[in-house]
Amino acid sequence: MRGLFVIPLLLATQAPAASPIAEVVCDAAPRMSDRLSRQFGARLTSTGLQGPDQVMELWTGPQGDWTMVIAYASGTSCIVAMGEHWSTLSPDSPEDPQDPA
């Protein structure tokens, strides 16, 4: 009977899966932009409205790394995703980059 009480305790204390970004990183928008461009060599390549108070920004680096940032109307920007091997397709590119036709 005592074992039944231990199982829920063990399940509750399991560590979550590892994430590339352990937590969201936020900073003042000018500092975030400066750091991405100066320290990492990234440049702002795309933007889009996510709502009346948020702009999604895509920053790409010279080696193909990318960073997705949400810029809030409050003046704060937060990194919400990042990765590698970014590629930009031209409008006349085939939908499948592997398809030569």
PDB file of N, CA and C in Angstrom:
ATOM      1  N   MET A   1       0.819  -1.192   0.000  1.00  0.00           N
ATOM      2  CA  MET A   1       0.000   0.000   0.000  1.00  0.00           C
ATOM      3  C   MET A   1       0.863   1.256   0.000  1.00  0.00           C
ATOM      4  N   ARG A   2       1.979   1.208   0.710  1.00  0.00           N
ATOM      5  CA  ARG A   2       2.861   2.368   0.785  1.00  0.00           C
ATOM      6  C   ARG A   2       3.419   2.729  -0.590  1.00  0.00           C
ATOM      7  N   GLY A   3       3.634   1.734  -1.460  1.00  0.00           N
ATOM      8  CA  GLY A   3       4.149   1.961  -2.806  1.00  0.00           C
ATOM      9  C   GLY A   3       3.211   2.799  -3.658  1.00  0.00           C
ATOM     10  N   LEU A   4       1.899   2.719  -3.404  1.00  0.00           N
ATOM     11  CA  LEU A   4       0.938   3.513  -4.164  1.00  0.00           C
ATOM     12  C   LEU A   4       1.107   5.007  -3.903  1.00  0.00           C
ATOM     13  N   PHE A   5       1.585   5.376  -2.740  1.00  0.00           N
ATOM     14  CA  PHE A   5       1.799   6.786  -2.428  1.00  0.00           C
ATOM     15  C   PHE A   5       3.100   7.303  -3.032  1.00  0.00           C
ATOM     16  N   VAL A   6       4.054   6.429  -3.248  1.00  0.00           N
ATOM     17  CA  VAL A   6       5.354   6.823  -3.786  1.00  0.00           C
ATOM     18  C   VAL A   6       5.275   7.088  -5.288  1.00  0.00           C
ATOM     19  N   ILE A   7       4.477   6.330  -6.016  1.00  0.00           N
ATOM     20  CA  ILE A   7       4.399   6.478  -7.475  1.00  0.00           C
ATOM     21  C   ILE A   7       3.961   7.888  -7.882  1.00  0.00           C
ATOM     22  N   PRO A   8       2.877   8.445  -7.332  1.00  0.00           N
ATOM     23  CA  PRO A   8       2.520   9.817  -7.726  1.00  0.00           C
ATOM     24  C   PRO A   8       3.613  10.827  -7.378  1.00  0.00           C
ATOM     25  N   LEU A   9       4.310  10.610  -6.288  1.00  0.00           N
ATOM     26  CA  LEU A   9       5.386  11.513  -5.898  1.00  0.00           C
ATOM     27  C   LEU A   9       6.519  11.466  -6.912  1.00  0.00           C
ATOM     28  N   LEU A  10       6.882  10.277  -7.382  1.00  0.00           N
ATOM     29  CA  LEU A  10       7.938  10.146  -8.390  1.00  0.00           C
ATOM     30  C   LEU A  10       7.524  10.785  -9.710  1.00  0.00           C
ATOM     31  N   LEU A  11       6.275  10.591 -10.103  1.00  0.00           N
ATOM     32  CA  LEU A  11       5.803  11.187 -11.353  1.00  0.00           C
ATOM     33  C   LEU A  11       5.805  12.708 -11.277  1.00  0.00           C
ATOM     34  N   ALA A  12       5.480  13.246 -10.134  1.00  0.00           N
ATOM     35  CA  ALA A  12       5.421  14.700  -9.976  1.00  0.00           C
ATOM     36  C   ALA A  12       6.797  15.343  -9.949  1.00  0.00           C
ATOM     37  N   THR A  13       7.838  14.587  -9.637  1.00  0.00           N
ATOM     38  CA  THR A  13       9.169  15.182  -9.516  1.00  0.00           C
ATOM     39  C   THR A  13      10.065  14.907 -10.714  1.00  0.00           C
ATOM     40  N   GLN A  14       9.523  14.309 -11.786  1.00  0.00           N
ATOM     41  CA  GLN A  14      10.348  14.070 -12.963  1.00  0.00           C
ATOM     42  C   GLN A  14      10.714  15.395 -13.618  1.00  0.00           C
ATOM     43  N   ALA A  15      11.936  15.471 -14.122  1.00  0.00           N
ATOM     44  CA  ALA A  15      12.405  16.691 -14.776  1.00  0.00           C
ATOM     45  C   ALA A  15      11.751  16.832 -16.142  1.00  0.00           C
ATOM     46  N   PRO A  16      11.405  18.070 -16.531  1.00  0.00           N
ATOM     47  CA  PRO A  16      10.843  18.281 -17.860  1.00  0.00           C
ATOM     48  C   PRO A  16      11.903  18.068 -18.933  1.00  0.00           C
ATOM     49  N   ALA A  17      11.462  17.848 -20.161  1.00  0.00           N
ATOM     50  CA  ALA A  17      12.389  17.655 -21.285  1.00  0.00           C
ATOM     51  C   ALA A  17      13.215  18.913 -21.497  1.00  0.00           C
ATOM     52  N   ALA A  18      14.456  18.731 -21.931  1.00  0.00           N
ATOM     53  CA  ALA A  18      15.336  19.872 -22.177  1.00  0.00           C
ATOM     54  C   ALA A  18      14.815  20.691 -23.351  1.00  0.00           C
ATOM     55  N   SER A  19      14.984  21.997 -23.272  1.00  0.00           N
ATOM     56  CA  SER A  19      14.529  22.908 -24.309  1.00  0.00           C
ATOM     57  C   SER A  19      15.699  23.747 -24.781  1.00  0.00           C
ATOM     58  N   PRO A  20      15.767  24.083 -26.091  1.00  0.00           N
ATOM     59  CA  PRO A  20      16.853  24.940 -26.561  1.00  0.00           C
ATOM     60  C   PRO A  20      16.861  26.294 -25.851  1.00  0.00           C
ATOM     61  N   ILE A  21      15.676  26.780 -25.496  1.00  0.00           N
ATOM     62  CA  ILE A  21      15.582  28.022 -24.737  1.00  0.00           C
ATOM     63  C   ILE A  21      14.909  27.666 -23.419  1.00  0.00           C
ATOM     64  N   ALA A  22      15.655  27.673 -22.349  1.00  0.00           N
ATOM     65  CA  ALA A  22      15.111  27.284 -21.053  1.00  0.00           C
ATOM     66  C   ALA A  22      14.034  28.261 -20.597  1.00  0.00           C
ATOM     67  N   GLU A  23      14.201  29.519 -20.921  1.00  0.00           N
ATOM     68  CA  GLU A  23      13.212  30.529 -20.575  1.00  0.00           C
ATOM     69  C   GLU A  23      13.268  31.622 -21.629  1.00  0.00           C
ATOM     70  N   VAL A  24      12.207  32.391 -21.711  1.00  0.00           N
ATOM     71  CA  VAL A  24      12.154  33.488 -22.667  1.00  0.00           C
ATOM     72  C   VAL A  24      13.076  34.599 -22.184  1.00  0.00           C
ATOM     73  N   VAL A  25      13.873  35.147 -23.095  1.00  0.00           N
ATOM     74  CA  VAL A  25      14.806  36.220 -22.768  1.00  0.00           C
ATOM     75  C   VAL A  25      14.213  37.532 -23.254  1.00  0.00           C
ATOM     76  N   CYS A  26      14.033  38.485 -22.340  1.00  0.00           N
ATOM     77  CA  CYS A  26      13.464  39.790 -22.684  1.00  0.00           C
ATOM     78  C   CYS A  26      14.426  40.906 -22.295  1.00  0.00           C
ATOM     79  N   ASP A  27      14.338  42.015 -23.025  1.00  0.00           N
ATOM     80  CA  ASP A  27      15.157  43.193 -22.736  1.00  0.00           C
ATOM     81  C   ASP A  27      14.488  44.387 -23.406  1.00  0.00           C
ATOM     82  N   ALA A  28      14.976  45.572 -23.113  1.00  0.00           N
ATOM     83  CA  ALA A  28      14.486  46.765 -23.796  1.00  0.00           C
ATOM     84  C   ALA A  28      14.758  46.598 -25.290  1.00  0.00           C
ATOM     85  N   ALA A  29      13.812  46.991 -26.127  1.00  0.00           N
ATOM     86  CA  ALA A  29      13.926  46.770 -27.575  1.00  0.00           C
ATOM     87  C   ALA A  29      15.222  47.316 -28.170  1.00  0.00           C
ATOM     88  N   PRO A  30      15.650  48.538 -27.841  1.00  0.00           N
ATOM     89  CA  PRO A  30      16.911  49.023 -28.426  1.00  0.00           C
ATOM     90  C   PRO A  30      18.123  48.175 -28.027  1.00  0.00           C
ATOM     91  N   ARG A  31      18.156  47.724 -26.775  1.00  0.00           N
ATOM     92  CA  ARG A  31      19.269  46.875 -26.323  1.00  0.00           C
ATOM     93  C   ARG A  31      19.236  45.515 -27.009  1.00  0.00           C
ATOM     94  N   MET A  32      18.031  44.958 -27.180  1.00  0.00           N
ATOM     95  CA  MET A  32      17.892  43.664 -27.850  1.00  0.00           C
ATOM     96  C   MET A  32      18.387  43.781 -29.293  1.00  0.00           C
ATOM     97  N   SER A  33      17.954  44.814 -30.001  1.00  0.00           N
ATOM     98  CA  SER A  33      18.384  45.015 -31.393  1.00  0.00           C
ATOM     99  C   SER A  33      19.885  45.203 -31.483  1.00  0.00           C
ATOM    100  N   ASP A  34      20.431  46.014 -30.587  1.00  0.00           N
ATOM    101  CA  ASP A  34      21.869  46.277 -30.590  1.00  0.00           C
ATOM    102  C   ASP A  34      22.656  44.996 -30.335  1.00  0.00           C
ATOM    103  N   ARG A  35      22.203  44.218 -29.388  1.00  0.00           N
ATOM    104  CA  ARG A  35      22.920  42.982 -29.048  1.00  0.00           C
ATOM    105  C   ARG A  35      22.860  41.968 -30.188  1.00  0.00           C
ATOM    106  N   LEU A  36      21.687  41.822 -30.790  1.00  0.00           N
ATOM    107  CA  LEU A  36      21.566  40.876 -31.901  1.00  0.00           C
ATOM    108  C   LEU A  36      22.453  41.288 -33.071  1.00  0.00           C
ATOM    109  N   SER A  37      22.496  42.583 -33.370  1.00  0.00           N
ATOM    110  CA  SER A  37      23.286  43.025 -34.521  1.00  0.00           C
ATOM    111  C   SER A  37      24.775  43.097 -34.223  1.00  0.00           C
ATOM    112  N   ARG A  38      25.162  43.669 -33.099  1.00  0.00           N
ATOM    113  CA  ARG A  38      26.592  43.831 -32.798  1.00  0.00           C
ATOM    114  C   ARG A  38      27.260  42.546 -32.319  1.00  0.00           C
ATOM    115  N   GLN A  39      26.639  41.882 -31.368  1.00  0.00           N
ATOM    116  CA  GLN A  39      27.275  40.707 -30.766  1.00  0.00           C
ATOM    117  C   GLN A  39      27.154  39.463 -31.647  1.00  0.00           C
ATOM    118  N   PHE A  40      26.028  39.326 -32.344  1.00  0.00           N
ATOM    119  CA  PHE A  40      25.796  38.103 -33.107  1.00  0.00           C
ATOM    120  C   PHE A  40      25.827  38.315 -34.615  1.00  0.00           C
ATOM    121  N   GLY A  41      25.970  39.549 -35.073  1.00  0.00           N
ATOM    122  CA  GLY A  41      26.037  39.829 -36.502  1.00  0.00           C
ATOM    123  C   GLY A  41      24.727  39.599 -37.233  1.00  0.00           C
ATOM    124  N   ALA A  42      23.622  39.568 -36.508  1.00  0.00           N
ATOM    125  CA  ALA A  42      22.315  39.330 -37.124  1.00  0.00           C
ATOM    126  C   ALA A  42      21.756  40.629 -37.688  1.00  0.00           C
ATOM    127  N   ARG A  43      20.852  40.467 -38.640  1.00  0.00           N
ATOM    128  CA  ARG A  43      20.158  41.638 -39.163  1.00  0.00           C
ATOM    129  C   ARG A  43      18.672  41.326 -39.243  1.00  0.00           C
ATOM    130  N   LEU A  44      17.875  42.348 -39.077  1.00  0.00           N
ATOM    131  CA  LEU A  44      16.426  42.198 -39.129  1.00  0.00           C
ATOM    132  C   LEU A  44      16.024  41.969 -40.585  1.00  0.00           C
ATOM    133  N   THR A  45      15.439  40.808 -40.881  1.00  0.00           N
ATOM    134  CA  THR A  45      15.121  40.477 -42.270  1.00  0.00           C
ATOM    135  C   THR A  45      13.630  40.429 -42.568  1.00  0.00           C
ATOM    136  N   SER A  46      12.790  40.234 -41.552  1.00  0.00           N
ATOM    137  CA  SER A  46      11.343  40.165 -41.777  1.00  0.00           C
ATOM    138  C   SER A  46      10.604  40.632 -40.536  1.00  0.00           C
ATOM    139  N   THR A  47       9.446  41.224 -40.754  1.00  0.00           N
ATOM    140  CA  THR A  47       8.579  41.617 -39.647  1.00  0.00           C
ATOM    141  C   THR A  47       7.130  41.340 -40.028  1.00  0.00           C
ATOM    142  N   GLY A  48       6.295  41.201 -39.025  1.00  0.00           N
ATOM    143  CA  GLY A  48       4.866  41.025 -39.261  1.00  0.00           C
ATOM    144  C   GLY A  48       4.087  41.323 -37.997  1.00  0.00           C
ATOM    145  N   LEU A  49       2.897  41.889 -38.159  1.00  0.00           N
ATOM    146  CA  LEU A  49       2.056  42.196 -37.008  1.00  0.00           C
ATOM    147  C   LEU A  49       1.443  40.915 -36.460  1.00  0.00           C
ATOM    148  N   GLN A  50       1.530  40.750 -35.158  1.00  0.00           N
ATOM    149  CA  GLN A  50       0.879  39.613 -34.515  1.00  0.00           C
ATOM    150  C   GLN A  50      -0.404  40.076 -33.834  1.00  0.00           C
ATOM    151  N   GLY A  51      -0.536  41.330 -33.617  1.00  0.00           N
ATOM    152  CA  GLY A  51      -1.702  41.919 -32.983  1.00  0.00           C
ATOM    153  C   GLY A  51      -1.486  43.415 -32.899  1.00  0.00           C
ATOM    154  N   PRO A  52      -2.401  44.138 -32.282  1.00  0.00           N
ATOM    155  CA  PRO A  52      -2.248  45.593 -32.228  1.00  0.00           C
ATOM    156  C   PRO A  52      -1.056  46.055 -31.388  1.00  0.00           C
ATOM    157  N   ASP A  53      -0.560  45.204 -30.514  1.00  0.00           N
ATOM    158  CA  ASP A  53       0.530  45.599 -29.621  1.00  0.00           C
ATOM    159  C   ASP A  53       1.798  44.774 -29.795  1.00  0.00           C
ATOM    160  N   GLN A  54       1.864  43.925 -30.834  1.00  0.00           N
ATOM    161  CA  GLN A  54       3.015  43.035 -30.984  1.00  0.00           C
ATOM    162  C   GLN A  54       3.469  42.962 -32.442  1.00  0.00           C
ATOM    163  N   VAL A  55       4.779  42.977 -32.622  1.00  0.00           N
ATOM    164  CA  VAL A  55       5.377  42.786 -33.938  1.00  0.00           C
ATOM    165  C   VAL A  55       6.332  41.602 -33.841  1.00  0.00           C
ATOM    166  N   MET A  56       6.172  40.636 -34.736  1.00  0.00           N
ATOM    167  CA  MET A  56       7.110  39.517 -34.816  1.00  0.00           C
ATOM    168  C   MET A  56       8.280  39.965 -35.675  1.00  0.00           C
ATOM    169  N   GLU A  57       9.487  39.716 -35.207  1.00  0.00           N
ATOM    170  CA  GLU A  57      10.695  40.067 -35.952  1.00  0.00           C
ATOM    171  C   GLU A  57      11.505  38.805 -36.193  1.00  0.00           C
ATOM    172  N   LEU A  58      12.029  38.679 -37.392  1.00  0.00           N
ATOM    173  CA  LEU A  58      12.925  37.572 -37.706  1.00  0.00           C
ATOM    174  C   LEU A  58      14.302  38.156 -37.969  1.00  0.00           C
ATOM    175  N   TRP A  59      15.268  37.761 -37.138  1.00  0.00           N
ATOM    176  CA  TRP A  59      16.658  38.190 -37.275  1.00  0.00           C
ATOM    177  C   TRP A  59      17.444  37.006 -37.806  1.00  0.00           C
ATOM    178  N   THR A  60      18.267  37.228 -38.827  1.00  0.00           N
ATOM    179  CA  THR A  60      19.088  36.149 -39.372  1.00  0.00           C
ATOM    180  C   THR A  60      20.558  36.534 -39.326  1.00  0.00           C
ATOM    181  N   GLY A  61      21.389  35.530 -39.096  1.00  0.00           N
ATOM    182  CA  GLY A  61      22.829  35.745 -39.005  1.00  0.00           C
ATOM    183  C   GLY A  61      23.539  35.279 -40.260  1.00  0.00           C
ATOM    184  N   PRO A  62      24.795  35.658 -40.411  1.00  0.00           N
ATOM    185  CA  PRO A  62      25.555  35.327 -41.614  1.00  0.00           C
ATOM    186  C   PRO A  62      25.816  33.830 -41.791  1.00  0.00           C
ATOM    187  N   GLN A  63      25.753  33.059 -40.730  1.00  0.00           N
ATOM    188  CA  GLN A  63      26.005  31.616 -40.820  1.00  0.00           C
ATOM    189  C   GLN A  63      24.711  30.802 -40.927  1.00  0.00           C
ATOM    190  N   GLY A  64      23.569  31.466 -41.106  1.00  0.00           N
ATOM    191  CA  GLY A  64      22.299  30.765 -41.246  1.00  0.00           C
ATOM    192  C   GLY A  64      21.522  30.601 -39.953  1.00  0.00           C
ATOM    193  N   ASP A  65      22.025  31.143 -38.844  1.00  0.00           N
ATOM    194  CA  ASP A  65      21.268  31.065 -37.604  1.00  0.00           C
ATOM    195  C   ASP A  65      20.160  32.113 -37.643  1.00  0.00           C
ATOM    196  N   TRP A  66      19.072  31.861 -36.905  1.00  0.00           N
ATOM    197  CA  TRP A  66      17.948  32.778 -36.896  1.00  0.00           C
ATOM    198  C   TRP A  66      17.385  32.921 -35.491  1.00  0.00           C
ATOM    199  N   THR A  67      16.744  34.067 -35.253  1.00  0.00           N
ATOM    200  CA  THR A  67      16.145  34.366 -33.958  1.00  0.00           C
ATOM    201  C   THR A  67      14.787  35.007 -34.195  1.00  0.00           C
ATOM    202  N   MET A  68      13.739  34.484 -33.546  1.00  0.00           N
ATOM    203  CA  MET A  68      12.400  35.053 -33.622  1.00  0.00           C
ATOM    204  C   MET A  68      12.177  35.880 -32.359  1.00  0.00           C
ATOM    205  N   VAL A  69      11.807  37.137 -32.552  1.00  0.00           N
ATOM    206  CA  VAL A  69      11.634  38.076 -31.450  1.00  0.00           C
ATOM    207  C   VAL A  69      10.223  38.652 -31.518  1.00  0.00           C
ATOM    208  N   ILE A  70       9.584  38.823 -30.366  1.00  0.00           N
ATOM    209  CA  ILE A  70       8.335  39.577 -30.293  1.00  0.00           C
ATOM    210  C   ILE A  70       8.678  40.936 -29.706  1.00  0.00           C
ATOM    211  N   ALA A  71       8.354  41.995 -30.445  1.00  0.00           N
ATOM    212  CA  ALA A  71       8.541  43.363 -29.963  1.00  0.00           C
ATOM    213  C   ALA A  71       7.176  43.878 -29.514  1.00  0.00           C
ATOM    214  N   TYR A  72       7.096  44.276 -28.261  1.00  0.00           N
ATOM    215  CA  TYR A  72       5.841  44.750 -27.689  1.00  0.00           C
ATOM    216  C   TYR A  72       5.765  46.269 -27.742  1.00  0.00           C
ATOM    217  N   ALA A  73       4.555  46.804 -27.776  1.00  0.00           N
ATOM    218  CA  ALA A  73       4.351  48.250 -27.803  1.00  0.00           C
ATOM    219  C   ALA A  73       4.905  48.918 -26.551  1.00  0.00           C
ATOM    220  N   SER A  74       5.077  48.162 -25.491  1.00  0.00           N
ATOM    221  CA  SER A  74       5.612  48.700 -24.232  1.00  0.00           C
ATOM    222  C   SER A  74       7.090  49.053 -24.336  1.00  0.00           C
ATOM    223  N   GLY A  75       7.760  48.593 -25.415  1.00  0.00           N
ATOM    224  CA  GLY A  75       9.191  48.856 -25.573  1.00  0.00           C
ATOM    225  C   GLY A  75      10.067  47.680 -25.200  1.00  0.00           C
ATOM    226  N   THR A  76       9.457  46.571 -24.827  1.00  0.00           N
ATOM    227  CA  THR A  76      10.192  45.356 -24.483  1.00  0.00           C
ATOM    228  C   THR A  76      10.192  44.407 -25.675  1.00  0.00           C
ATOM    229  N   SER A  77      11.300  43.719 -25.884  1.00  0.00           N
ATOM    230  CA  SER A  77      11.396  42.677 -26.907  1.00  0.00           C
ATOM    231  C   SER A  77      11.802  41.379 -26.235  1.00  0.00           C
ATOM    232  N   CYS A  78      11.237  40.264 -26.710  1.00  0.00           N
ATOM    233  CA  CYS A  78      11.524  38.953 -26.128  1.00  0.00           C
ATOM    234  C   CYS A  78      11.882  37.953 -27.220  1.00  0.00           C
ATOM    235  N   ILE A  79      12.965  37.207 -27.001  1.00  0.00           N
ATOM    236  CA  ILE A  79      13.332  36.117 -27.898  1.00  0.00           C
ATOM    237  C   ILE A  79      12.426  34.940 -27.563  1.00  0.00           C
ATOM    238  N   VAL A  80      11.703  34.443 -28.571  1.00  0.00           N
ATOM    239  CA  VAL A  80      10.771  33.344 -28.337  1.00  0.00           C
ATOM    240  C   VAL A  80      11.177  32.055 -29.046  1.00  0.00           C
ATOM    241  N   ALA A  81      12.091  32.147 -30.015  1.00  0.00           N
ATOM    242  CA  ALA A  81      12.568  30.946 -30.717  1.00  0.00           C
ATOM    243  C   ALA A  81      13.880  31.269 -31.406  1.00  0.00           C
ATOM    244  N   MET A  82      14.689  30.236 -31.616  1.00  0.00           N
ATOM    245  CA  MET A  82      15.935  30.404 -32.363  1.00  0.00           C
ATOM    246  C   MET A  82      16.317  29.069 -32.969  1.00  0.00           C
ATOM    247  N   GLY A  83      17.143  29.134 -34.001  1.00  0.00           N
ATOM    248  CA  GLY A  83      17.551  27.905 -34.653  1.00  0.00           C
ATOM    249  C   GLY A  83      18.686  28.144 -35.634  1.00  0.00           C
ATOM    250  N   GLU A  84      18.893  27.161 -36.496  1.00  0.00           N
ATOM    251  CA  GLU A  84      19.999  27.190 -37.459  1.00  0.00           C
ATOM    252  C   GLU A  84      19.482  26.876 -38.856  1.00  0.00           C
ATOM    253  N   HIS A  85      20.345  27.050 -39.834  1.00  0.00           N
ATOM    254  CA  HIS A  85      20.104  26.682 -41.231  1.00  0.00           C
ATOM    255  C   HIS A  85      18.917  27.415 -41.849  1.00  0.00           C
ATOM    256  N   TRP A  86      18.805  28.718 -41.594  1.00  0.00           N
ATOM    257  CA  TRP A  86      17.749  29.504 -42.214  1.00  0.00           C
ATOM    258  C   TRP A  86      18.050  29.655 -43.693  1.00  0.00           C
ATOM    259  N   SER A  87      17.028  29.542 -44.528  1.00  0.00           N
ATOM    260  CA  SER A  87      17.195  29.808 -45.955  1.00  0.00           C
ATOM    261  C   SER A  87      16.014  30.641 -46.426  1.00  0.00           C
ATOM    262  N   THR A  88      16.276  31.552 -47.315  1.00  0.00           N
ATOM    263  CA  THR A  88      15.240  32.421 -47.852  1.00  0.00           C
ATOM    264  C   THR A  88      14.929  31.979 -49.273  1.00  0.00           C
ATOM    265  N   LEU A  89      13.665  31.743 -49.532  1.00  0.00           N
ATOM    266  CA  LEU A  89      13.237  31.333 -50.861  1.00  0.00           C
ATOM    267  C   LEU A  89      12.734  32.553 -51.618  1.00  0.00           C
ATOM    268  N   SER A  90      13.082  32.658 -52.880  1.00  0.00           N
ATOM    269  CA  SER A  90      12.575  33.763 -53.687  1.00  0.00           C
ATOM    270  C   SER A  90      11.159  33.420 -54.133  1.00  0.00           C
ATOM    271  N   PRO A  91      10.344  34.424 -54.470  1.00  0.00           N
ATOM    272  CA  PRO A  91       8.951  34.156 -54.852  1.00  0.00           C
ATOM    273  C   PRO A  91       8.812  33.202 -56.036  1.00  0.00           C
ATOM    274  N   ASP A  92       9.793  33.160 -56.927  1.00  0.00           N
ATOM    275  CA  ASP A  92       9.691  32.272 -58.075  1.00  0.00           C
ATOM    276  C   ASP A  92      10.371  30.923 -57.846  1.00  0.00           C
ATOM    277  N   SER A  93      10.792  30.648 -56.605  1.00  0.00           N
ATOM    278  CA  SER A  93      11.403  29.360 -56.281  1.00  0.00           C
ATOM    279  C   SER A  93      10.332  28.278 -56.258  1.00  0.00           C
ATOM    280  N   PRO A  94      10.691  27.057 -56.631  1.00  0.00           N
ATOM    281  CA  PRO A  94       9.719  25.964 -56.497  1.00  0.00           C
ATOM    282  C   PRO A  94       9.402  25.748 -55.022  1.00  0.00           C
ATOM    283  N   GLU A  95       8.206  25.225 -54.752  1.00  0.00           N
ATOM    284  CA  GLU A  95       7.809  25.009 -53.360  1.00  0.00           C
ATOM    285  C   GLU A  95       8.713  24.020 -52.656  1.00  0.00           C
ATOM    286  N   ASP A  96       9.189  23.022 -53.361  1.00  0.00           N
ATOM    287  CA  ASP A  96      10.087  22.031 -52.779  1.00  0.00           C
ATOM    288  C   ASP A  96      11.509  22.368 -53.216  1.00  0.00           C
ATOM    289  N   PRO A  97      12.371  22.855 -52.288  1.00  0.00           N
ATOM    290  CA  PRO A  97      13.733  23.234 -52.673  1.00  0.00           C
ATOM    291  C   PRO A  97      14.540  22.073 -53.251  1.00  0.00           C
ATOM    292  N   GLN A  98      14.128  20.837 -52.994  1.00  0.00           N
ATOM    293  CA  GLN A  98      14.827  19.673 -53.519  1.00  0.00           C
ATOM    294  C   GLN A  98      14.362  19.330 -54.938  1.00  0.00           C
ATOM    295  N   ASP A  99      13.215  19.888 -55.355  1.00  0.00           N
ATOM    296  CA  ASP A  99      12.639  19.593 -56.662  1.00  0.00           C
ATOM    297  C   ASP A  99      13.259  20.502 -57.720  1.00  0.00           C
ATOM    298  N   PRO A 100      14.019  19.945 -58.689  1.00  0.00           N
ATOM    299  CA  PRO A 100      14.686  20.785 -59.687  1.00  0.00           C
ATOM    300  C   PRO A 100      13.728  21.387 -60.710  1.00  0.00           C
ATOM    301  N   ALA A 101      12.486  20.906 -60.784  1.00  0.00           N
ATOM    302  CA  ALA A 101      11.561  21.394 -61.810  1.00  0.00           C
ATOM    303  C   ALA A 101      10.940  22.675 -61.478  1.00  0.00           C
TER     304      ALA A 101
END
